[in-house]
Amino acid sequence: MNKIRVALIEDHDLTRIGVRTALQQKEEIEVVGEAANATEGWEMLKKIRPDIAIIDIGLPDKDGIELTKEIKSFSGIETQNIKVLILTLRDNKEAVLAAFAAGADSYCMKDIRFENLLEALRITHNGNSWIDPAIARIVLQQAQQTSLKQESNIRENSTSVNTYNRGQSDEIVDAYTLTERELEVLQLIVEGCSNAVIAERLYITVGTVKTHVRNILNKLCADDRTQAAVRALRSGLVG
């Protein structure tokens, strides 16, 4: 089994040591490096090329979001495939949206349960995004505000009203065609659970979970689990 190679960039010693120690207990994870600031972290990443960089936003020399932007925009092969998981105490809208814009792959709060952090690493390593439910709600709030602005602008343009309303109503209809079981699965997706965890909690097989997830994505017109989670929160399907 190929291990997930992880690097930590965190200036708080106790936090960094705690995360490193916990991750080292898992056979699937290999902590390949760590740094206490962005400058050292950037040089480390180019040398060791981990699969995932866990980055704190509040670094002493440079904002972790700026470091993420450098990683994602760097044209050299050194950091080409490095995925970024933001691990932070900041849950304000500005920080979250800036992290999105910088190209971070996953977003977690530091009070996340360790099993959920592991799941976030697995999902991120597989090329998908994991968003902490607390952060997803912030994204939802922004999406709602954007939607209201769009609706206001569209109402001023009479030629666009019918098209907009039709698109909005289609999304709502599709959302409410979910079965009771699909809603249960969707709630667990929003909580960041893997297919295996969902199967265990609902006493069904992983294969059945995958079928439900596929149906949910189709009904919500979502490209992935993260988009489905945000749309579910936006529509009020889950809390």
C-alpha atoms as a PDB file:
ATOM      1  CA  MET A   1       0.000   0.000   0.000  1.00  0.00           C
ATOM      2  CA  ASN A   2       1.337   3.390  -0.997  1.00  0.00           C
ATOM      3  CA  LYS A   3       1.427   5.721   1.963  1.00  0.00           C
ATOM      4  CA  ILE A   4       0.073   9.256   1.870  1.00  0.00           C
ATOM      5  CA  ARG A   5       3.125  11.496   2.191  1.00  0.00           C
ATOM      6  CA  VAL A   6       2.276  14.504   4.338  1.00  0.00           C
ATOM      7  CA  ALA A   7       4.215  17.664   5.221  1.00  0.00           C
ATOM      8  CA  LEU A   8       3.235  20.027   8.040  1.00  0.00           C
ATOM      9  CA  ILE A   9       3.670  23.800   7.947  1.00  0.00           C
ATOM     10  CA  GLU A  10       2.560  25.103  11.337  1.00  0.00           C
ATOM     11  CA  ASP A  11       4.228  27.643  13.603  1.00  0.00           C
ATOM     12  CA  HIS A  12       2.618  26.530  16.867  1.00  0.00           C
ATOM     13  CA  ASP A  13       4.969  23.864  18.222  1.00  0.00           C
ATOM     14  CA  LEU A  14       2.429  21.963  20.313  1.00  0.00           C
ATOM     15  CA  THR A  15      -0.077  21.845  17.471  1.00  0.00           C
ATOM     16  CA  ARG A  16       2.537  20.714  14.959  1.00  0.00           C
ATOM     17  CA  ILE A  17       3.942  18.052  17.283  1.00  0.00           C
ATOM     18  CA  GLY A  18       0.458  16.863  18.194  1.00  0.00           C
ATOM     19  CA  VAL A  19      -0.670  16.491  14.586  1.00  0.00           C
ATOM     20  CA  ARG A  20       2.599  14.838  13.580  1.00  0.00           C
ATOM     21  CA  THR A  21       2.480  12.374  16.492  1.00  0.00           C
ATOM     22  CA  ALA A  22      -1.124  11.452  15.798  1.00  0.00           C
ATOM     23  CA  LEU A  23      -0.535  10.965  12.060  1.00  0.00           C
ATOM     24  CA  GLN A  24       2.535   8.821  12.676  1.00  0.00           C
ATOM     25  CA  GLN A  25       0.340   6.285  14.453  1.00  0.00           C
ATOM     26  CA  LYS A  26      -1.392   5.490  11.175  1.00  0.00           C
ATOM     27  CA  GLU A  27       0.338   3.086   8.791  1.00  0.00           C
ATOM     28  CA  GLU A  28      -1.242   4.725   5.754  1.00  0.00           C
ATOM     29  CA  ILE A  29       0.334   8.101   6.584  1.00  0.00           C
ATOM     30  CA  GLU A  30       3.993   9.089   6.341  1.00  0.00           C
ATOM     31  CA  VAL A  31       4.975  12.473   7.740  1.00  0.00           C
ATOM     32  CA  VAL A  32       7.896  13.411   5.499  1.00  0.00           C
ATOM     33  CA  GLY A  33       8.682  16.909   6.753  1.00  0.00           C
ATOM     34  CA  GLU A  34       7.643  19.863   8.841  1.00  0.00           C
ATOM     35  CA  ALA A  35       8.333  23.566   9.072  1.00  0.00           C
ATOM     36  CA  ALA A  36       7.446  26.398  11.434  1.00  0.00           C
ATOM     37  CA  ASN A  37       7.111  29.157   8.843  1.00  0.00           C
ATOM     38  CA  ALA A  38       6.251  29.742   5.194  1.00  0.00           C
ATOM     39  CA  THR A  39       9.818  30.366   3.992  1.00  0.00           C
ATOM     40  CA  GLU A  40      11.159  27.096   5.375  1.00  0.00           C
ATOM     41  CA  GLY A  41       7.984  25.331   4.343  1.00  0.00           C
ATOM     42  CA  TRP A  42       8.248  26.471   0.727  1.00  0.00           C
ATOM     43  CA  GLU A  43      11.842  25.236   0.433  1.00  0.00           C
ATOM     44  CA  MET A  44      10.906  21.972   2.110  1.00  0.00           C
ATOM     45  CA  LEU A  45       8.000  21.343  -0.254  1.00  0.00           C
ATOM     46  CA  LYS A  46      10.176  21.821  -3.334  1.00  0.00           C
ATOM     47  CA  LYS A  47      12.696  19.310  -1.995  1.00  0.00           C
ATOM     48  CA  ILE A  48      10.535  16.517  -0.610  1.00  0.00           C
ATOM     49  CA  ARG A  49       7.445  16.881  -2.851  1.00  0.00           C
ATOM     50  CA  PRO A  50       4.814  15.470  -0.476  1.00  0.00           C
ATOM     51  CA  ASP A  51       1.391  14.362  -1.625  1.00  0.00           C
ATOM     52  CA  ILE A  52      -0.321  16.780   0.738  1.00  0.00           C
ATOM     53  CA  ALA A  53       0.830  19.898   2.559  1.00  0.00           C
ATOM     54  CA  ILE A  54      -1.101  20.717   5.727  1.00  0.00           C
ATOM     55  CA  ILE A  55      -0.802  24.488   6.062  1.00  0.00           C
ATOM     56  CA  ASP A  56      -1.845  26.863   8.820  1.00  0.00           C
ATOM     57  CA  ILE A  57      -3.101  30.262   7.696  1.00  0.00           C
ATOM     58  CA  GLY A  58      -1.517  32.266  10.510  1.00  0.00           C
ATOM     59  CA  LEU A  59       2.163  31.730   9.775  1.00  0.00           C
ATOM     60  CA  PRO A  60       4.603  34.296  11.224  1.00  0.00           C
ATOM     61  CA  ASP A  61       6.415  35.370   8.050  1.00  0.00           C
ATOM     62  CA  LYS A  62       3.779  34.952   5.361  1.00  0.00           C
ATOM     63  CA  ASP A  63       0.082  34.185   5.328  1.00  0.00           C
ATOM     64  CA  GLY A  64      -0.639  30.521   4.643  1.00  0.00           C
ATOM     65  CA  ILE A  65      -3.074  31.567   1.946  1.00  0.00           C
ATOM     66  CA  GLU A  66      -0.293  33.402   0.127  1.00  0.00           C
ATOM     67  CA  LEU A  67       1.893  30.314   0.449  1.00  0.00           C
ATOM     68  CA  THR A  68      -0.917  28.221  -1.006  1.00  0.00           C
ATOM     69  CA  LYS A  69      -1.159  30.606  -3.944  1.00  0.00           C
ATOM     70  CA  GLU A  70       2.577  30.268  -4.557  1.00  0.00           C
ATOM     71  CA  ILE A  71       2.379  26.487  -4.461  1.00  0.00           C
ATOM     72  CA  LYS A  72      -0.513  26.375  -6.888  1.00  0.00           C
ATOM     73  CA  SER A  73       0.877  28.969  -9.305  1.00  0.00           C
ATOM     74  CA  PHE A  74       4.489  27.785  -9.332  1.00  0.00           C
ATOM     75  CA  SER A  75       5.355  26.538 -12.809  1.00  0.00           C
ATOM     76  CA  GLY A  76       8.113  24.120 -11.793  1.00  0.00           C
ATOM     77  CA  ILE A  77       7.557  20.388 -11.459  1.00  0.00           C
ATOM     78  CA  GLU A  78       8.635  20.456  -7.806  1.00  0.00           C
ATOM     79  CA  THR A  79       5.195  21.401  -6.502  1.00  0.00           C
ATOM     80  CA  GLN A  80       3.087  20.433  -9.486  1.00  0.00           C
ATOM     81  CA  ASN A  81       1.059  17.695  -7.817  1.00  0.00           C
ATOM     82  CA  ILE A  82       1.097  18.852  -4.204  1.00  0.00           C
ATOM     83  CA  LYS A  83      -2.364  19.165  -2.710  1.00  0.00           C
ATOM     84  CA  VAL A  84      -3.030  21.680   0.043  1.00  0.00           C
ATOM     85  CA  LEU A  85      -5.134  21.093   3.124  1.00  0.00           C
ATOM     86  CA  ILE A  86      -5.730  24.233   5.163  1.00  0.00           C
ATOM     87  CA  LEU A  87      -5.854  23.566   8.909  1.00  0.00           C
ATOM     88  CA  THR A  88      -6.733  26.732  10.774  1.00  0.00           C
ATOM     89  CA  LEU A  89      -8.538  28.448  13.617  1.00  0.00           C
ATOM     90  CA  ARG A  90      -9.875  31.112  11.269  1.00  0.00           C
ATOM     91  CA  ASP A  91     -13.504  30.567  10.380  1.00  0.00           C
ATOM     92  CA  ASN A  92     -14.331  34.025   9.065  1.00  0.00           C
ATOM     93  CA  LYS A  93     -15.768  34.363   5.597  1.00  0.00           C
ATOM     94  CA  GLU A  94     -12.869  36.378   4.213  1.00  0.00           C
ATOM     95  CA  ALA A  95     -10.255  33.792   5.167  1.00  0.00           C
ATOM     96  CA  VAL A  96     -12.301  30.882   3.836  1.00  0.00           C
ATOM     97  CA  LEU A  97     -13.065  32.500   0.501  1.00  0.00           C
ATOM     98  CA  ALA A  98      -9.464  33.658   0.116  1.00  0.00           C
ATOM     99  CA  ALA A  99      -8.298  30.083   0.683  1.00  0.00           C
ATOM    100  CA  PHE A 100     -10.692  28.877  -2.014  1.00  0.00           C
ATOM    101  CA  ALA A 101      -9.432  31.516  -4.403  1.00  0.00           C
ATOM    102  CA  ALA A 102      -5.801  30.606  -3.693  1.00  0.00           C
ATOM    103  CA  GLY A 103      -6.462  27.048  -4.834  1.00  0.00           C
ATOM    104  CA  ALA A 104      -6.457  25.081  -1.584  1.00  0.00           C
ATOM    105  CA  ASP A 105      -7.930  21.603  -1.981  1.00  0.00           C
ATOM    106  CA  SER A 106      -9.436  20.990   1.448  1.00  0.00           C
ATOM    107  CA  TYR A 107     -10.362  23.145   4.419  1.00  0.00           C
ATOM    108  CA  CYS A 108     -10.443  22.073   8.060  1.00  0.00           C
ATOM    109  CA  MET A 109     -10.784  23.743  11.413  1.00  0.00           C
ATOM    110  CA  LYS A 110      -8.222  22.873  14.098  1.00  0.00           C
ATOM    111  CA  ASP A 111     -10.917  21.531  16.389  1.00  0.00           C
ATOM    112  CA  ILE A 112     -11.696  18.822  13.842  1.00  0.00           C
ATOM    113  CA  ARG A 113     -11.923  15.269  15.163  1.00  0.00           C
ATOM    114  CA  PHE A 114      -8.839  13.254  14.290  1.00  0.00           C
ATOM    115  CA  GLU A 115     -10.826  10.611  12.414  1.00  0.00           C
ATOM    116  CA  ASN A 116     -12.284  13.378  10.261  1.00  0.00           C
ATOM    117  CA  LEU A 117      -8.819  14.795   9.596  1.00  0.00           C
ATOM    118  CA  LEU A 118      -7.729  11.355   8.424  1.00  0.00           C
ATOM    119  CA  GLU A 119     -10.768  11.174   6.185  1.00  0.00           C
ATOM    120  CA  ALA A 120      -9.977  14.630   4.827  1.00  0.00           C
ATOM    121  CA  LEU A 121      -6.446  13.490   3.982  1.00  0.00           C
ATOM    122  CA  ARG A 122      -7.716  10.362   2.234  1.00  0.00           C
ATOM    123  CA  ILE A 123     -10.282  12.281   0.203  1.00  0.00           C
ATOM    124  CA  THR A 124      -7.783  14.989  -0.691  1.00  0.00           C
ATOM    125  CA  HIS A 125      -5.201  12.404  -1.718  1.00  0.00           C
ATOM    126  CA  ASN A 126      -7.779  10.829  -4.027  1.00  0.00           C
ATOM    127  CA  GLY A 127      -8.190  14.121  -5.847  1.00  0.00           C
ATOM    128  CA  ASN A 128     -11.360  15.351  -4.197  1.00  0.00           C
ATOM    129  CA  SER A 129     -12.057  18.164  -1.737  1.00  0.00           C
ATOM    130  CA  TRP A 130     -13.070  17.895   1.891  1.00  0.00           C
ATOM    131  CA  ILE A 131     -14.693  20.868   3.553  1.00  0.00           C
ATOM    132  CA  ASP A 132     -15.276  21.121   7.290  1.00  0.00           C
ATOM    133  CA  PRO A 133     -19.045  21.461   7.877  1.00  0.00           C
ATOM    134  CA  ALA A 134     -18.415  24.722   9.773  1.00  0.00           C
ATOM    135  CA  ILE A 135     -16.606  26.104   6.738  1.00  0.00           C
ATOM    136  CA  ALA A 136     -19.234  24.770   4.341  1.00  0.00           C
ATOM    137  CA  ARG A 137     -21.790  26.902   6.144  1.00  0.00           C
ATOM    138  CA  ILE A 138     -19.660  29.982   5.535  1.00  0.00           C
ATOM    139  CA  VAL A 139     -19.461  29.112   1.857  1.00  0.00           C
ATOM    140  CA  LEU A 140     -23.209  28.608   1.917  1.00  0.00           C
ATOM    141  CA  GLN A 141     -23.770  32.081   3.358  1.00  0.00           C
ATOM    142  CA  GLN A 142     -21.645  33.596   0.609  1.00  0.00           C
ATOM    143  CA  ALA A 143     -23.497  31.579  -2.018  1.00  0.00           C
ATOM    144  CA  GLN A 144     -26.816  32.805  -0.646  1.00  0.00           C
ATOM    145  CA  GLN A 145     -25.655  36.423  -0.747  1.00  0.00           C
ATOM    146  CA  THR A 146     -24.384  35.969  -4.306  1.00  0.00           C
ATOM    147  CA  SER A 147     -27.661  34.347  -5.289  1.00  0.00           C
ATOM    148  CA  LEU A 148     -29.652  37.266  -3.879  1.00  0.00           C
ATOM    149  CA  LYS A 149     -27.506  39.764  -5.783  1.00  0.00           C
ATOM    150  CA  GLN A 150     -27.917  37.751  -8.980  1.00  0.00           C
ATOM    151  CA  GLU A 151     -31.666  37.583  -8.473  1.00  0.00           C
ATOM    152  CA  SER A 152     -31.838  41.340  -7.963  1.00  0.00           C
ATOM    153  CA  ASN A 153     -29.815  41.984 -11.118  1.00  0.00           C
ATOM    154  CA  ILE A 154     -31.840  39.538 -13.171  1.00  0.00           C
ATOM    155  CA  ARG A 155     -35.138  41.082 -12.114  1.00  0.00           C
ATOM    156  CA  GLU A 156     -33.883  44.351 -13.572  1.00  0.00           C
ATOM    157  CA  ASN A 157     -33.369  42.602 -16.874  1.00  0.00           C
ATOM    158  CA  SER A 158     -36.742  41.262 -17.965  1.00  0.00           C
ATOM    159  CA  THR A 159     -35.304  39.168 -20.770  1.00  0.00           C
ATOM    160  CA  SER A 160     -33.444  36.992 -18.286  1.00  0.00           C
ATOM    161  CA  VAL A 161     -36.099  36.447 -15.627  1.00  0.00           C
ATOM    162  CA  ASN A 162     -37.780  33.377 -17.053  1.00  0.00           C
ATOM    163  CA  THR A 163     -34.510  31.574 -17.709  1.00  0.00           C
ATOM    164  CA  TYR A 164     -33.256  32.243 -14.178  1.00  0.00           C
ATOM    165  CA  ASN A 165     -36.465  31.188 -12.460  1.00  0.00           C
ATOM    166  CA  ARG A 166     -36.644  28.004 -14.473  1.00  0.00           C
ATOM    167  CA  GLY A 167     -33.077  27.080 -13.499  1.00  0.00           C
ATOM    168  CA  GLN A 168     -33.755  27.814  -9.817  1.00  0.00           C
ATOM    169  CA  SER A 169     -36.980  25.801  -9.703  1.00  0.00           C
ATOM    170  CA  ASP A 170     -35.382  22.835 -11.449  1.00  0.00           C
ATOM    171  CA  GLU A 171     -32.688  22.717  -8.770  1.00  0.00           C
ATOM    172  CA  ILE A 172     -35.290  22.740  -5.985  1.00  0.00           C
ATOM    173  CA  VAL A 173     -37.409  20.026  -7.610  1.00  0.00           C
ATOM    174  CA  ASP A 174     -34.397  17.787  -8.130  1.00  0.00           C
ATOM    175  CA  ALA A 175     -33.298  18.303  -4.547  1.00  0.00           C
ATOM    176  CA  TYR A 176     -36.626  17.267  -3.076  1.00  0.00           C
ATOM    177  CA  THR A 177     -36.808  14.044  -5.073  1.00  0.00           C
ATOM    178  CA  LEU A 178     -34.254  12.505  -2.709  1.00  0.00           C
ATOM    179  CA  THR A 179     -35.489   9.471  -0.812  1.00  0.00           C
ATOM    180  CA  GLU A 180     -35.377   9.268   2.966  1.00  0.00           C
ATOM    181  CA  ARG A 181     -32.302   7.033   2.795  1.00  0.00           C
ATOM    182  CA  GLU A 182     -30.563   9.384   0.363  1.00  0.00           C
ATOM    183  CA  LEU A 183     -31.201  12.254   2.761  1.00  0.00           C
ATOM    184  CA  GLU A 184     -29.557  10.225   5.538  1.00  0.00           C
ATOM    185  CA  VAL A 185     -26.553   9.575   3.317  1.00  0.00           C
ATOM    186  CA  LEU A 186     -26.452  13.239   2.308  1.00  0.00           C
ATOM    187  CA  GLN A 187     -26.393  14.359   5.952  1.00  0.00           C
ATOM    188  CA  LEU A 188     -23.371  12.133   6.587  1.00  0.00           C
ATOM    189  CA  ILE A 189     -21.653  13.444   3.455  1.00  0.00           C
ATOM    190  CA  VAL A 190     -22.065  16.976   4.818  1.00  0.00           C
ATOM    191  CA  GLU A 191     -20.480  15.780   8.073  1.00  0.00           C
ATOM    192  CA  GLY A 192     -17.446  14.608   6.111  1.00  0.00           C
ATOM    193  CA  CYS A 193     -17.996  10.858   6.451  1.00  0.00           C
ATOM    194  CA  SER A 194     -16.433   8.404   4.019  1.00  0.00           C
ATOM    195  CA  ASN A 195     -18.414   5.712   2.226  1.00  0.00           C
ATOM    196  CA  ALA A 196     -17.126   3.162   4.716  1.00  0.00           C
ATOM    197  CA  VAL A 197     -18.228   5.236   7.707  1.00  0.00           C
ATOM    198  CA  ILE A 198     -21.626   5.883   6.124  1.00  0.00           C
ATOM    199  CA  ALA A 199     -22.067   2.166   5.512  1.00  0.00           C
ATOM    200  CA  GLU A 200     -21.201   1.405   9.114  1.00  0.00           C
ATOM    201  CA  ARG A 201     -23.560   4.001  10.566  1.00  0.00           C
ATOM    202  CA  LEU A 202     -26.504   3.083   8.351  1.00  0.00           C
ATOM    203  CA  TYR A 203     -25.870  -0.677   8.437  1.00  0.00           C
ATOM    204  CA  ILE A 204     -25.652  -0.997   4.673  1.00  0.00           C
ATOM    205  CA  THR A 205     -22.893  -2.115   2.298  1.00  0.00           C
ATOM    206  CA  VAL A 206     -20.312   0.225   0.801  1.00  0.00           C
ATOM    207  CA  GLY A 207     -21.652  -0.702  -2.629  1.00  0.00           C
ATOM    208  CA  THR A 208     -25.106   0.487  -1.606  1.00  0.00           C
ATOM    209  CA  VAL A 209     -23.618   3.727  -0.276  1.00  0.00           C
ATOM    210  CA  LYS A 210     -21.886   4.328  -3.601  1.00  0.00           C
ATOM    211  CA  THR A 211     -25.196   3.856  -5.400  1.00  0.00           C
ATOM    212  CA  HIS A 212     -26.890   6.351  -3.089  1.00  0.00           C
ATOM    213  CA  VAL A 213     -24.046   8.857  -3.531  1.00  0.00           C
ATOM    214  CA  ARG A 214     -24.251   8.536  -7.312  1.00  0.00           C
ATOM    215  CA  ASN A 215     -28.017   9.112  -7.205  1.00  0.00           C
ATOM    216  CA  ILE A 216     -27.582  12.110  -4.900  1.00  0.00           C
ATOM    217  CA  LEU A 217     -25.011  13.716  -7.207  1.00  0.00           C
ATOM    218  CA  ASN A 218     -27.320  13.205 -10.179  1.00  0.00           C
ATOM    219  CA  LYS A 219     -30.371  14.618  -8.423  1.00  0.00           C
ATOM    220  CA  LEU A 220     -28.521  17.644  -7.074  1.00  0.00           C
ATOM    221  CA  CYS A 221     -26.692  18.156 -10.394  1.00  0.00           C
ATOM    222  CA  ALA A 222     -23.433  18.115  -8.428  1.00  0.00           C
ATOM    223  CA  ASP A 223     -20.026  17.204  -9.789  1.00  0.00           C
ATOM    224  CA  ASP A 224     -18.686  15.871  -6.502  1.00  0.00           C
ATOM    225  CA  ARG A 225     -19.473  15.314  -2.823  1.00  0.00           C
ATOM    226  CA  THR A 226     -18.327  18.781  -1.786  1.00  0.00           C
ATOM    227  CA  GLN A 227     -20.613  20.506  -4.269  1.00  0.00           C
ATOM    228  CA  ALA A 228     -23.467  18.248  -3.180  1.00  0.00           C
ATOM    229  CA  ALA A 229     -22.853  19.175   0.461  1.00  0.00           C
ATOM    230  CA  VAL A 230     -22.905  22.902  -0.248  1.00  0.00           C
ATOM    231  CA  ARG A 231     -26.075  22.609  -2.361  1.00  0.00           C
ATOM    232  CA  ALA A 232     -27.729  20.513   0.343  1.00  0.00           C
ATOM    233  CA  LEU A 233     -26.979  23.164   2.941  1.00  0.00           C
ATOM    234  CA  ARG A 234     -28.094  25.906   0.595  1.00  0.00           C
ATOM    235  CA  SER A 235     -31.442  24.254  -0.106  1.00  0.00           C
ATOM    236  CA  GLY A 236     -32.026  23.441   3.566  1.00  0.00           C
ATOM    237  CA  LEU A 237     -32.119  19.708   2.937  1.00  0.00           C
ATOM    238  CA  VAL A 238     -29.749  19.124   5.851  1.00  0.00           C
ATOM    239  CA  GLY A 239     -28.791  21.162   8.884  1.00  0.00           C
END
